[in-house]
Amino acid sequence: MLPFGNLSQDAENGYFADGMQDEILSHLAAISDLKVVSRTSTQKYKSHPVDLKTIGAQLGVATVLEGSVQKSGDQVHINLQLVDARNDRHLWAQSYSRDLKNIFAVEGEVAQNVAEALKAKLMPAESASVGAAPTRNAAAYEFFLRATPHYNRGNDRHDLVAAEMPLAIMLYQQAIAADPNFALAYARLAIAETSMYNFAPDRTEARRAAAQAAVERALALRPELGEAHFAMGLFALWAQRDFAKAREQLQITAQRMPNNAEVIAYLAATARHEGRWQEALDAYRRAVQLDPQSTHINFQLAFTYADLRRYVDAMHVLDELLAAGGNIGDIRSTRATWLAMWKGDLEPQRTMLASLTPGSDEYAANARDFFQLAWWSRDYAAAIRAALVSTDAQWRDPNNIALPRLLYLAWAFEAQGDQVKAADAYLSVQKSASDALARGNASVDQHLALAFAYAGLGRKDDALRESAGALGILPPSRDTVGGIATLNYVAQVDVRSGAYDAAFAHLHELLELGSGTSISAAMLALDPQWDPIRRDARFAALLRQGENEVKLAP
């Protein structure tokens, strides 16, 4: 389905066309007999392109649905046509004119007509689901559609969650105020709240409770609703880290929304968090088939390869994304970092960062990479400059661990030999992390920040206690992905605290589990963090271990 054209005289009504397209797409994805390519792969195309044959080949589809929406006052006019992309033959066309008060069931009607035109069979449960109207309240539906662009932007790019999801939350809350029985709005509200909890991040009890209340209300109103189970699956995944529950809920969702690439991708993510790597790879590949040009899903497939130290496969996925014109900045940055992880080659990262324009958004977004390159190059003056220039309070690593920028600055001051400035920075980090923990924000990030601060201040026992607290919250046995990222930092705290035996044990465990986006043989050789243990005979054994791909369970 290509983006719908907005024929309304008021360009501000573009949200309505986008929202209608999104809901029709959701209804079509619920039909198991259809393969429906997801929105993220089609959104870059025009609503009525000239070369449908090329687009069909790029998306791997034979049929394309085009449409336009015109909203004028309380009247809505929708034009749709189904075209054979191979020969431009029109298979079906229909217009729908509705009063805004009676627009609610049109998405289901369109989905049923398209399925009939394609001779797709609907199971009885699918027919009931596709035909159900989400609400009968025009004001509630208006708020819901207005929320969709904000929800999609935050959902597509997690770095935009903090900016976009609060707007979506406000509009979903207005939709629910207009119709307290609007289950789909509750489901989307729950996902938006859960995204804020995990990615903003706002890991407070108030945010978690708001997400839980919304998802429980959605399920109470419509227990058969696939989106409600999806919301519960994401809540279990992100807010509870209950992967068994997440898998159960996402499997229910997949039964109700069988062609939804996002659902399959989150099933893959759940498998990855549980350390079921082969299952994760298989599911990500299936999701890519449904959403071939999704930067996010392809990225996660590449991350899975890289975690397994299958860097050749990871690079192949990233190169295909670059060729397709994906989110170029993020792809280039990740590719350069992984080349350093794989081969110890810093030149691709140096070249990539040198191409950025100072003062640009992309330059600011790569602040941590500038520090990282300088740190790995042992150019501590440049590392200090990178940390001082950035205005970010925290720097988030690729595995979603956020540490204070001041902590990085303290490391660079310390490595340069400026103990006074290092101590000042460590004291600031200690106070900030201690205050956050006292307020009840007992996150892995805060425990790790405090552990590093204590280690820098010479309080070794306190440092090890805090790092143990972080690992107690998120061990690899509970969450392979998050636990690996945590364990990497715990090993660094071990080294900084002189607990070398513990550091070697933790590093050996890391390399066994699959940690190619956190640590590798090349990184062990490059990173100054490991200098204190570099001459230990056990270090050479770690280098040999880190050169091999991770062995998957049979």
Protein backbone atom coordinates (compact mmCIF):
# COMPACT_ATOMS: atom_id res chain seq x y z
CA MET A 1 0.00 0.00 0.00
CA LEU A 2 1.52 3.30 -1.12
CA PRO A 3 1.08 6.55 0.88
CA PHE A 4 -2.35 8.10 0.37
CA GLY A 5 -2.46 11.47 -1.33
CA ASN A 6 -4.00 14.33 0.65
CA LEU A 7 -6.41 16.15 -1.68
CA SER A 8 -7.83 18.37 1.06
CA GLN A 9 -7.53 22.11 0.46
CA ASP A 10 -6.19 22.45 4.00
CA ALA A 11 -2.73 20.83 4.05
CA GLU A 12 -3.10 20.46 7.82
CA ASN A 13 -5.54 17.63 7.09
CA GLY A 14 -2.61 15.51 5.96
CA TYR A 15 -2.80 13.72 9.30
CA PHE A 16 -6.21 12.37 8.26
CA ALA A 17 -4.89 10.77 5.05
CA ASP A 18 -1.91 9.31 6.94
CA GLY A 19 -4.13 7.97 9.70
CA MET A 20 -6.63 6.40 7.32
CA GLN A 21 -3.83 4.70 5.39
CA ASP A 22 -2.35 3.37 8.62
CA GLU A 23 -5.63 1.89 9.82
CA ILE A 24 -6.47 0.30 6.47
CA LEU A 25 -2.98 -1.21 6.41
CA SER A 26 -3.52 -2.64 9.91
CA HIS A 27 -6.77 -4.26 8.80
CA LEU A 28 -5.12 -5.78 5.73
CA ALA A 29 -2.23 -7.12 7.83
CA ALA A 30 -4.76 -9.04 9.91
CA ILE A 31 -5.68 -11.21 6.87
CA SER A 32 -3.45 -14.27 6.89
CA ASP A 33 -4.01 -15.01 3.19
CA LEU A 34 -2.40 -11.71 2.17
CA LYS A 35 1.23 -10.62 2.25
CA VAL A 36 1.21 -6.93 3.12
CA VAL A 37 4.39 -4.85 3.04
CA SER A 38 4.65 -2.56 6.05
CA ARG A 39 4.37 1.22 6.04
CA THR A 40 8.04 1.86 6.77
CA SER A 41 9.02 0.28 3.45
CA THR A 42 6.47 2.22 1.40
CA GLN A 43 6.44 5.66 3.01
CA LYS A 44 9.27 7.02 0.84
CA TYR A 45 7.26 6.54 -2.37
CA LYS A 46 4.79 8.99 -3.87
CA SER A 47 1.08 8.29 -3.66
CA HIS A 48 0.69 7.77 -7.43
CA PRO A 49 4.16 6.99 -8.87
CA VAL A 50 4.78 6.51 -12.57
CA ASP A 51 7.00 3.42 -12.40
CA LEU A 52 4.97 0.86 -10.45
CA LYS A 53 6.89 -2.06 -11.98
CA THR A 54 10.17 -0.95 -10.36
CA ILE A 55 8.48 -0.28 -7.03
CA GLY A 56 6.80 -3.67 -7.09
CA ALA A 57 10.18 -5.33 -7.72
CA GLN A 58 11.83 -3.35 -4.93
CA LEU A 59 9.11 -4.35 -2.46
CA GLY A 60 8.71 -7.91 -3.72
CA VAL A 61 4.99 -7.52 -4.46
CA ALA A 62 2.77 -8.06 -7.49
CA THR A 63 -0.09 -5.73 -6.52
CA VAL A 64 -0.13 -2.14 -5.27
CA LEU A 65 -2.97 -0.27 -3.55
CA GLU A 66 -3.03 3.46 -4.29
CA GLY A 67 -5.36 5.99 -2.76
CA SER A 68 -6.24 9.56 -1.96
CA VAL A 69 -8.23 11.18 0.82
CA GLN A 70 -10.12 14.46 0.73
CA LYS A 71 -11.56 15.90 3.94
CA SER A 72 -13.74 18.97 3.81
CA GLY A 73 -15.57 19.92 6.98
CA ASP A 74 -17.50 16.85 8.08
CA GLN A 75 -17.30 15.15 4.68
CA VAL A 76 -14.64 12.59 3.74
CA HIS A 77 -14.04 11.24 0.24
CA ILE A 78 -11.67 8.29 -0.33
CA ASN A 79 -10.56 7.03 -3.76
CA LEU A 80 -8.77 3.68 -3.99
CA GLN A 81 -7.45 1.53 -6.80
CA LEU A 82 -5.69 -1.82 -6.87
CA VAL A 83 -3.09 -2.10 -9.64
CA ASP A 84 -1.06 -5.02 -10.97
CA ALA A 85 2.47 -3.62 -10.61
CA ARG A 86 3.80 -5.90 -13.38
CA ASN A 87 1.68 -4.44 -16.17
CA ASP A 88 -0.21 -1.43 -14.73
CA ARG A 89 -3.52 -3.26 -15.14
CA HIS A 90 -6.25 -1.93 -12.83
CA LEU A 91 -7.77 -4.79 -10.86
CA TRP A 92 -10.27 -2.91 -8.72
CA ALA A 93 -11.29 0.65 -7.90
CA GLN A 94 -13.82 2.19 -5.59
CA SER A 95 -14.75 5.50 -4.03
CA TYR A 96 -16.09 5.96 -0.52
CA SER A 97 -17.94 9.08 0.56
CA ARG A 98 -18.79 9.32 4.23
CA ASP A 99 -19.93 11.80 6.78
CA LEU A 100 -17.25 12.09 9.46
CA LYS A 101 -19.75 10.72 11.98
CA ASN A 102 -19.96 7.49 9.95
CA ILE A 103 -16.31 7.05 8.93
CA PHE A 104 -15.42 4.48 11.60
CA ALA A 105 -15.97 1.19 9.75
CA VAL A 106 -14.63 2.26 6.36
CA GLU A 107 -11.15 0.78 6.95
CA GLY A 108 -12.62 -2.66 7.53
CA GLU A 109 -14.89 -2.31 4.51
CA VAL A 110 -11.91 -1.38 2.32
CA ALA A 111 -9.84 -4.31 3.64
CA GLN A 112 -12.65 -6.78 2.93
CA ASN A 113 -13.12 -5.40 -0.59
CA VAL A 114 -9.39 -5.56 -1.34
CA ALA A 115 -9.23 -9.13 -0.03
CA GLU A 116 -12.18 -10.07 -2.22
CA ALA A 117 -10.55 -8.45 -5.27
CA LEU A 118 -7.39 -10.47 -4.61
CA LYS A 119 -9.40 -13.63 -3.98
CA ALA A 120 -7.97 -13.90 -0.46
CA LYS A 121 -9.89 -16.05 2.00
CA LEU A 122 -10.87 -14.60 5.36
CA MET A 123 -11.21 -16.89 8.34
CA PRO A 124 -14.35 -16.21 10.42
CA ALA A 125 -12.33 -14.61 13.22
CA GLU A 126 -10.46 -12.47 10.68
CA SER A 127 -13.69 -11.32 9.10
CA ALA A 128 -15.08 -10.25 12.49
CA SER A 129 -11.83 -8.48 13.42
CA VAL A 130 -11.43 -6.69 10.09
CA GLY A 131 -15.03 -5.50 10.09
CA ALA A 132 -15.06 -4.15 13.66
CA ALA A 133 -15.20 -0.35 14.07
CA PRO A 134 -12.69 0.94 16.65
CA THR A 135 -15.08 3.62 17.95
CA ARG A 136 -18.38 5.28 17.11
CA ASN A 137 -17.37 8.69 18.45
CA ALA A 138 -16.27 11.17 15.76
CA ALA A 139 -14.32 13.41 18.15
CA ALA A 140 -12.48 10.44 19.65
CA TYR A 141 -11.55 9.16 16.20
CA GLU A 142 -10.30 12.61 15.18
CA PHE A 143 -7.96 12.76 18.19
CA PHE A 144 -6.82 9.20 17.47
CA LEU A 145 -5.90 9.98 13.86
CA ARG A 146 -4.11 13.18 14.94
CA ALA A 147 -1.96 11.08 17.28
CA THR A 148 -0.88 8.68 14.52
CA PRO A 149 1.95 10.74 12.92
CA HIS A 150 3.54 11.42 16.33
CA TYR A 151 3.16 7.77 17.34
CA ASN A 152 4.70 6.57 14.06
CA ARG A 153 7.68 8.91 14.24
CA GLY A 154 8.45 7.86 17.81
CA ASN A 155 7.86 4.23 16.98
CA ASP A 156 10.08 4.30 13.88
CA ARG A 157 12.98 6.13 15.56
CA HIS A 158 13.57 5.59 19.24
CA ASP A 159 15.76 8.70 19.42
CA LEU A 160 12.56 10.70 18.72
CA VAL A 161 10.50 9.07 21.49
CA ALA A 162 11.05 11.87 24.02
CA ALA A 163 9.93 14.50 21.49
CA GLU A 164 7.03 12.70 19.77
CA MET A 165 5.42 10.30 22.23
CA PRO A 166 4.25 12.96 24.75
CA LEU A 167 2.21 14.52 21.93
CA ALA A 168 0.77 11.14 20.99
CA ILE A 169 -0.04 10.45 24.66
CA MET A 170 -1.90 13.74 25.01
CA LEU A 171 -4.01 13.05 21.91
CA TYR A 172 -4.77 9.45 22.91
CA GLN A 173 -5.86 10.68 26.31
CA GLN A 174 -8.21 13.17 24.60
CA ALA A 175 -9.57 10.35 22.43
CA ILE A 176 -10.24 8.26 25.54
CA ALA A 177 -11.87 11.20 27.29
CA ALA A 178 -14.28 11.45 24.35
CA ASP A 179 -14.88 7.67 24.28
CA PRO A 180 -13.89 5.85 27.51
CA ASN A 181 -14.48 2.51 25.74
CA PHE A 182 -12.00 3.15 22.91
CA ALA A 183 -9.86 0.02 23.35
CA LEU A 184 -7.53 0.68 20.42
CA ALA A 185 -6.70 4.14 21.79
CA TYR A 186 -5.88 2.57 25.16
CA ALA A 187 -3.60 0.05 23.42
CA ARG A 188 -1.70 2.77 21.53
CA LEU A 189 -1.54 4.89 24.69
CA ALA A 190 0.01 1.93 26.54
CA ILE A 191 2.67 1.50 23.85
CA ALA A 192 3.46 5.22 23.89
CA GLU A 193 3.79 5.21 27.70
CA THR A 194 5.95 2.07 27.60
CA SER A 195 8.17 3.67 24.94
CA MET A 196 8.63 6.69 27.19
CA TYR A 197 9.59 4.37 30.05
CA ASN A 198 12.19 2.50 28.04
CA PHE A 199 13.57 4.92 25.47
CA ALA A 200 13.13 8.51 26.77
CA PRO A 201 14.07 7.10 29.28
CA ASP A 202 11.59 7.88 32.04
CA ARG A 203 12.00 4.80 34.20
CA THR A 204 9.76 6.00 37.00
CA GLU A 205 7.06 4.03 38.76
CA ALA A 206 4.49 6.63 37.65
CA ARG A 207 5.30 6.06 33.97
CA ARG A 208 5.30 2.29 34.33
CA ALA A 209 1.98 2.37 36.21
CA ALA A 210 0.42 4.58 33.51
CA ALA A 211 1.45 2.08 30.82
CA GLN A 212 0.14 -0.86 32.83
CA ALA A 213 -3.21 0.80 33.54
CA ALA A 214 -3.71 1.59 29.85
CA VAL A 215 -2.88 -1.89 28.59
CA GLU A 216 -5.02 -3.61 31.22
CA ARG A 217 -7.95 -1.37 30.29
CA ALA A 218 -7.50 -2.17 26.57
CA LEU A 219 -7.59 -5.91 27.27
CA ALA A 220 -10.57 -5.58 29.59
CA LEU A 221 -12.54 -3.72 26.92
CA ARG A 222 -11.63 -5.98 23.99
CA PRO A 223 -9.75 -9.14 24.98
CA GLU A 224 -9.76 -10.30 21.34
CA LEU A 225 -7.99 -7.15 20.07
CA GLY A 226 -4.59 -7.95 18.57
CA GLU A 227 -3.22 -4.47 19.30
CA ALA A 228 -4.11 -4.87 22.98
CA HIS A 229 -2.07 -8.07 23.19
CA PHE A 230 0.72 -6.31 21.28
CA ALA A 231 0.73 -3.53 23.87
CA MET A 232 0.90 -6.10 26.68
CA GLY A 233 3.74 -7.88 24.90
CA LEU A 234 5.76 -4.67 24.62
CA PHE A 235 4.99 -3.76 28.24
CA ALA A 236 6.28 -7.16 29.35
CA LEU A 237 9.34 -6.79 27.10
CA TRP A 238 10.35 -3.21 27.93
CA ALA A 239 8.90 -2.42 31.35
CA GLN A 240 8.88 -5.80 33.06
CA ARG A 241 11.61 -7.71 31.18
CA ASP A 242 9.36 -10.74 31.51
CA PHE A 243 10.31 -12.41 28.26
CA ALA A 244 8.15 -15.50 28.69
CA LYS A 245 5.10 -13.26 29.08
CA ALA A 246 6.23 -11.06 26.19
CA ARG A 247 6.62 -14.09 23.93
CA GLU A 248 3.17 -15.42 24.92
CA GLN A 249 1.46 -12.08 24.23
CA LEU A 250 3.31 -11.47 20.98
CA GLN A 251 2.44 -14.96 19.74
CA ILE A 252 -1.24 -14.19 20.41
CA THR A 253 -0.77 -10.93 18.50
CA ALA A 254 0.85 -12.74 15.57
CA GLN A 255 -2.20 -15.01 15.32
CA ARG A 256 -4.47 -11.96 15.04
CA MET A 257 -2.08 -9.82 12.95
CA PRO A 258 -0.18 -12.48 10.96
CA ASN A 259 1.41 -10.17 8.40
CA ASN A 260 2.56 -7.44 10.73
CA ALA A 261 6.34 -7.13 10.39
CA GLU A 262 6.65 -5.17 13.63
CA VAL A 263 5.06 -7.98 15.64
CA ILE A 264 7.39 -10.57 14.11
CA ALA A 265 10.39 -8.30 14.73
CA TYR A 266 9.48 -8.02 18.41
CA LEU A 267 9.13 -11.79 18.61
CA ALA A 268 12.68 -11.86 17.24
CA ALA A 269 13.78 -9.30 19.83
CA THR A 270 12.25 -11.40 22.60
CA ALA A 271 14.12 -14.49 21.38
CA ARG A 272 17.32 -12.46 21.27
CA HIS A 273 16.84 -11.26 24.86
CA GLU A 274 16.35 -14.89 25.88
CA GLY A 275 19.57 -15.93 24.13
CA ARG A 276 17.70 -17.97 21.48
CA TRP A 277 19.88 -16.56 18.72
CA GLN A 278 18.90 -18.79 15.80
CA GLU A 279 15.21 -18.22 16.44
CA ALA A 280 15.90 -14.48 16.55
CA LEU A 281 17.73 -14.58 13.20
CA ASP A 282 14.93 -16.58 11.56
CA ALA A 283 12.24 -14.20 12.82
CA TYR A 284 14.14 -11.06 11.80
CA ARG A 285 14.58 -12.49 8.30
CA ARG A 286 10.83 -13.13 8.11
CA ALA A 287 10.13 -9.57 9.29
CA VAL A 288 12.49 -8.20 6.62
CA GLN A 289 10.49 -10.07 3.97
CA LEU A 290 7.37 -8.17 5.10
CA ASP A 291 9.15 -4.84 5.53
CA PRO A 292 12.22 -5.06 3.28
CA GLN A 293 13.22 -1.42 3.52
CA SER A 294 12.67 -0.91 7.23
CA THR A 295 15.84 0.60 8.62
CA HIS A 296 14.89 -0.44 12.15
CA ILE A 297 14.21 -4.11 11.41
CA ASN A 298 17.25 -4.50 9.16
CA PHE A 299 19.33 -2.77 11.83
CA GLN A 300 18.18 -5.28 14.43
CA LEU A 301 19.03 -8.17 12.10
CA ALA A 302 22.48 -6.66 11.62
CA PHE A 303 22.87 -6.16 15.38
CA THR A 304 22.06 -9.82 15.94
CA TYR A 305 24.73 -10.87 13.47
CA ALA A 306 27.21 -8.49 15.08
CA ASP A 307 26.43 -9.75 18.59
CA LEU A 308 27.35 -13.22 17.31
CA ARG A 309 30.55 -11.73 15.85
CA ARG A 310 29.28 -12.56 12.36
CA TYR A 311 30.55 -9.20 11.16
CA VAL A 312 30.60 -10.16 7.46
CA ASP A 313 26.84 -10.82 7.56
CA ALA A 314 26.24 -7.67 9.61
CA MET A 315 28.15 -5.53 7.10
CA HIS A 316 26.20 -7.06 4.22
CA VAL A 317 22.89 -5.96 5.79
CA LEU A 318 24.19 -2.44 6.48
CA ASP A 319 25.60 -2.11 2.96
CA GLU A 320 22.23 -3.07 1.48
CA LEU A 321 20.57 -0.42 3.64
CA LEU A 322 23.06 2.19 2.45
CA ALA A 323 22.44 1.18 -1.18
CA ALA A 324 18.70 1.58 -0.62
CA GLY A 325 19.20 5.08 0.80
CA GLY A 326 18.14 4.30 4.37
CA ASN A 327 18.88 6.39 7.47
CA ILE A 328 22.37 7.10 6.13
CA GLY A 329 23.90 8.82 9.17
CA ASP A 330 23.10 6.07 11.65
CA ILE A 331 24.11 3.33 9.22
CA ARG A 332 27.46 4.94 8.41
CA SER A 333 28.19 5.50 12.09
CA THR A 334 27.30 1.94 13.08
CA ARG A 335 29.23 0.47 10.16
CA ALA A 336 32.34 2.42 11.09
CA THR A 337 32.08 1.36 14.75
CA TRP A 338 31.65 -2.31 13.84
CA LEU A 339 34.67 -2.23 11.54
CA ALA A 340 36.64 -1.07 14.57
CA MET A 341 35.08 -3.85 16.66
CA TRP A 342 35.82 -6.43 13.97
CA LYS A 343 39.24 -5.45 12.63
CA GLY A 344 40.50 -2.74 14.96
CA ASP A 345 40.47 -0.41 11.96
CA LEU A 346 39.70 3.18 13.06
CA GLU A 347 40.09 4.83 9.65
CA PRO A 348 36.45 4.29 8.51
CA GLN A 349 35.21 5.98 11.68
CA ARG A 350 37.78 8.77 11.32
CA THR A 351 36.69 9.36 7.70
CA MET A 352 32.99 9.24 8.56
CA LEU A 353 33.29 11.74 11.42
CA ALA A 354 35.51 14.06 9.39
CA SER A 355 32.74 14.30 6.78
CA LEU A 356 30.25 15.77 9.28
CA THR A 357 29.56 19.50 9.40
CA PRO A 358 30.27 21.09 12.82
CA GLY A 359 27.08 22.50 14.29
CA SER A 360 24.81 20.14 12.31
CA ASP A 361 22.32 17.81 13.95
CA GLU A 362 24.26 14.79 12.68
CA TYR A 363 27.48 16.19 14.15
CA ALA A 364 25.80 16.60 17.55
CA ALA A 365 24.20 13.14 17.34
CA ASN A 366 27.67 11.59 16.93
CA ALA A 367 29.20 13.28 19.99
CA ARG A 368 29.86 9.96 21.72
CA ASP A 369 31.49 8.61 18.54
CA PHE A 370 33.92 11.56 18.47
CA PHE A 371 34.89 10.73 22.06
CA GLN A 372 35.08 7.02 21.27
CA LEU A 373 37.43 7.54 18.32
CA ALA A 374 39.70 9.81 20.34
CA TRP A 375 39.66 7.41 23.30
CA TRP A 376 40.52 4.38 21.18
CA SER A 377 43.25 6.45 19.48
CA ARG A 378 44.58 7.43 22.94
CA ASP A 379 44.23 11.08 21.99
CA TYR A 380 42.92 12.15 25.38
CA ALA A 381 43.01 15.88 24.65
CA ALA A 382 40.63 15.28 21.72
CA ALA A 383 38.46 13.07 23.93
CA ILE A 384 38.22 15.90 26.48
CA ARG A 385 37.26 18.37 23.75
CA ALA A 386 34.54 16.03 22.47
CA ALA A 387 33.06 15.64 25.95
CA LEU A 388 33.24 19.38 26.69
CA VAL A 389 31.65 20.45 23.40
CA SER A 390 28.65 18.15 23.75
CA THR A 391 25.59 19.44 25.59
CA ASP A 392 24.14 15.97 26.22
CA ALA A 393 23.64 15.08 29.87
CA GLN A 394 24.01 11.40 29.03
CA TRP A 395 25.51 9.34 26.25
CA ARG A 396 23.59 6.21 25.33
CA ASP A 397 25.51 3.26 23.94
CA PRO A 398 24.19 1.00 21.14
CA ASN A 399 22.83 -1.44 23.73
CA ASN A 400 20.68 1.20 25.47
CA ILE A 401 22.93 1.80 28.51
CA ALA A 402 23.04 5.54 29.28
CA LEU A 403 25.95 6.91 31.32
CA PRO A 404 26.65 10.56 32.21
CA ARG A 405 28.78 12.50 29.74
CA LEU A 406 30.71 13.78 32.77
CA LEU A 407 31.81 10.21 33.46
CA TYR A 408 33.44 9.97 30.04
CA LEU A 409 35.07 13.33 30.72
CA ALA A 410 36.42 12.04 34.04
CA TRP A 411 37.98 9.03 32.28
CA ALA A 412 39.72 11.29 29.78
CA PHE A 413 41.01 13.69 32.46
CA GLU A 414 42.29 10.72 34.45
CA ALA A 415 43.99 9.15 31.42
CA GLN A 416 45.66 12.50 30.65
CA GLY A 417 46.93 12.67 34.22
CA ASP A 418 44.74 15.54 35.45
CA GLN A 419 43.59 13.95 38.70
CA VAL A 420 42.05 17.14 40.12
CA LYS A 421 39.62 17.66 37.22
CA ALA A 422 38.93 13.92 37.10
CA ALA A 423 38.01 13.91 40.79
CA ASP A 424 35.69 16.91 40.33
CA ALA A 425 33.88 15.14 37.52
CA TYR A 426 33.65 11.88 39.48
CA LEU A 427 32.18 13.77 42.46
CA SER A 428 29.53 15.35 40.21
CA VAL A 429 28.60 11.93 38.82
CA GLN A 430 28.48 10.46 42.33
CA LYS A 431 26.08 13.14 43.55
CA SER A 432 23.81 12.90 40.50
CA ALA A 433 23.59 9.10 40.58
CA SER A 434 23.15 8.99 44.38
CA ASP A 435 20.33 11.53 44.16
CA ALA A 436 18.62 9.56 41.38
CA LEU A 437 18.82 6.34 43.37
CA ALA A 438 17.46 8.12 46.45
CA ARG A 439 14.47 9.28 44.38
CA GLY A 440 13.69 5.66 43.52
CA ASN A 441 15.26 5.53 40.05
CA ALA A 442 17.08 2.28 40.82
CA SER A 443 18.11 1.64 37.24
CA VAL A 444 21.11 -0.24 35.93
CA ASP A 445 22.39 3.03 34.47
CA GLN A 446 22.45 4.80 37.85
CA HIS A 447 24.12 1.90 39.67
CA LEU A 448 26.81 1.70 36.98
CA ALA A 449 27.39 5.46 37.00
CA LEU A 450 27.80 5.39 40.78
CA ALA A 451 30.10 2.35 40.58
CA PHE A 452 32.42 4.11 38.12
CA ALA A 453 32.39 7.29 40.23
CA TYR A 454 33.33 5.36 43.37
CA ALA A 455 36.10 3.52 41.50
CA GLY A 456 37.50 6.82 40.27
CA LEU A 457 37.43 8.24 43.78
CA GLY A 458 39.27 5.24 45.18
CA ARG A 459 36.27 3.77 47.00
CA LYS A 460 36.83 0.29 45.57
CA ASP A 461 34.48 -1.69 47.84
CA ASP A 462 31.64 0.76 47.19
CA ALA A 463 32.31 0.55 43.46
CA LEU A 464 32.08 -3.23 43.46
CA ARG A 465 28.92 -3.13 45.55
CA GLU A 466 27.20 -0.80 43.08
CA SER A 467 28.31 -2.79 40.04
CA ALA A 468 27.00 -5.93 41.72
CA GLY A 469 23.72 -4.06 42.22
CA ALA A 470 23.56 -3.29 38.49
CA LEU A 471 24.26 -6.91 37.61
CA GLY A 472 21.66 -8.06 40.13
CA ILE A 473 19.02 -6.02 38.31
CA LEU A 474 20.03 -7.14 34.83
CA PRO A 475 22.14 -10.32 34.70
CA PRO A 476 22.65 -12.19 31.40
CA SER A 477 20.65 -15.09 32.83
CA ARG A 478 17.60 -12.82 32.91
CA ASP A 479 18.24 -10.80 29.76
CA THR A 480 20.98 -11.89 27.39
CA VAL A 481 21.17 -8.59 25.49
CA GLY A 482 20.86 -6.17 28.40
CA GLY A 483 22.84 -8.47 30.67
CA ILE A 484 25.75 -8.60 28.21
CA ALA A 485 25.86 -4.80 28.01
CA THR A 486 25.74 -4.56 31.82
CA LEU A 487 28.40 -7.24 32.26
CA ASN A 488 30.76 -5.36 29.94
CA TYR A 489 30.63 -2.29 32.18
CA VAL A 490 30.85 -4.43 35.34
CA ALA A 491 34.10 -5.92 34.01
CA GLN A 492 35.40 -2.38 33.46
CA VAL A 493 34.53 -1.48 37.06
CA ASP A 494 36.33 -4.64 38.16
CA VAL A 495 39.48 -3.49 36.38
CA ARG A 496 39.27 0.05 37.74
CA SER A 497 38.79 -1.39 41.25
CA GLY A 498 41.71 -3.82 40.99
CA ALA A 499 39.44 -6.90 41.06
CA TYR A 500 41.30 -8.57 38.19
CA ASP A 501 40.18 -12.15 38.81
CA ALA A 502 36.54 -11.04 38.66
CA ALA A 503 37.28 -9.04 35.49
CA PHE A 504 38.71 -12.09 33.68
CA ALA A 505 35.79 -14.25 34.76
CA HIS A 506 33.29 -11.66 33.54
CA LEU A 507 35.12 -11.13 30.24
CA HIS A 508 35.27 -14.85 29.57
CA GLU A 509 31.50 -15.08 30.19
CA LEU A 510 30.91 -12.11 27.88
CA LEU A 511 32.77 -13.67 24.98
CA GLU A 512 30.95 -16.99 25.46
CA LEU A 513 27.49 -15.40 25.42
CA GLY A 514 27.68 -13.29 22.29
CA SER A 515 28.81 -9.72 22.80
CA GLY A 516 30.10 -8.54 19.45
CA THR A 517 28.46 -5.11 19.77
CA SER A 518 30.01 -4.61 23.23
CA ILE A 519 33.41 -6.26 23.09
CA SER A 520 35.64 -8.20 20.71
CA ALA A 521 39.24 -9.27 20.34
CA ALA A 522 40.00 -6.03 18.46
CA MET A 523 38.39 -3.93 21.19
CA LEU A 524 40.23 -5.75 23.93
CA ALA A 525 43.43 -4.89 22.09
CA LEU A 526 42.49 -1.24 21.42
CA ASP A 527 40.55 0.04 24.43
CA PRO A 528 42.61 1.74 27.17
CA GLN A 529 40.05 0.49 29.73
CA TRP A 530 41.84 -2.89 29.67
CA ASP A 531 45.41 -1.59 30.02
CA PRO A 532 45.79 -2.66 33.68
CA ILE A 533 45.27 -6.36 32.79
CA ARG A 534 46.89 -6.37 29.35
CA ARG A 535 50.11 -8.06 30.48
CA ASP A 536 48.37 -10.82 32.41
CA ALA A 537 48.82 -14.20 30.67
CA ARG A 538 45.05 -14.69 30.74
CA PHE A 539 44.56 -11.70 28.44
CA ALA A 540 46.04 -13.46 25.41
CA ALA A 541 43.55 -16.30 25.89
CA LEU A 542 40.71 -13.77 25.87
CA LEU A 543 41.99 -12.35 22.57
CA ARG A 544 41.93 -15.81 20.99
CA GLN A 545 38.43 -16.46 22.32
CA GLY A 546 37.14 -13.15 20.96
CA GLU A 547 38.27 -13.85 17.41
CA ASN A 548 35.71 -16.60 16.83
CA GLU A 549 32.00 -16.47 16.05
CA VAL A 550 29.69 -17.31 18.92
CA LYS A 551 28.64 -20.95 18.92
CA LEU A 552 24.88 -21.36 18.74
CA ALA A 553 23.07 -24.01 20.75
CA PRO A 554 21.95 -26.92 18.50
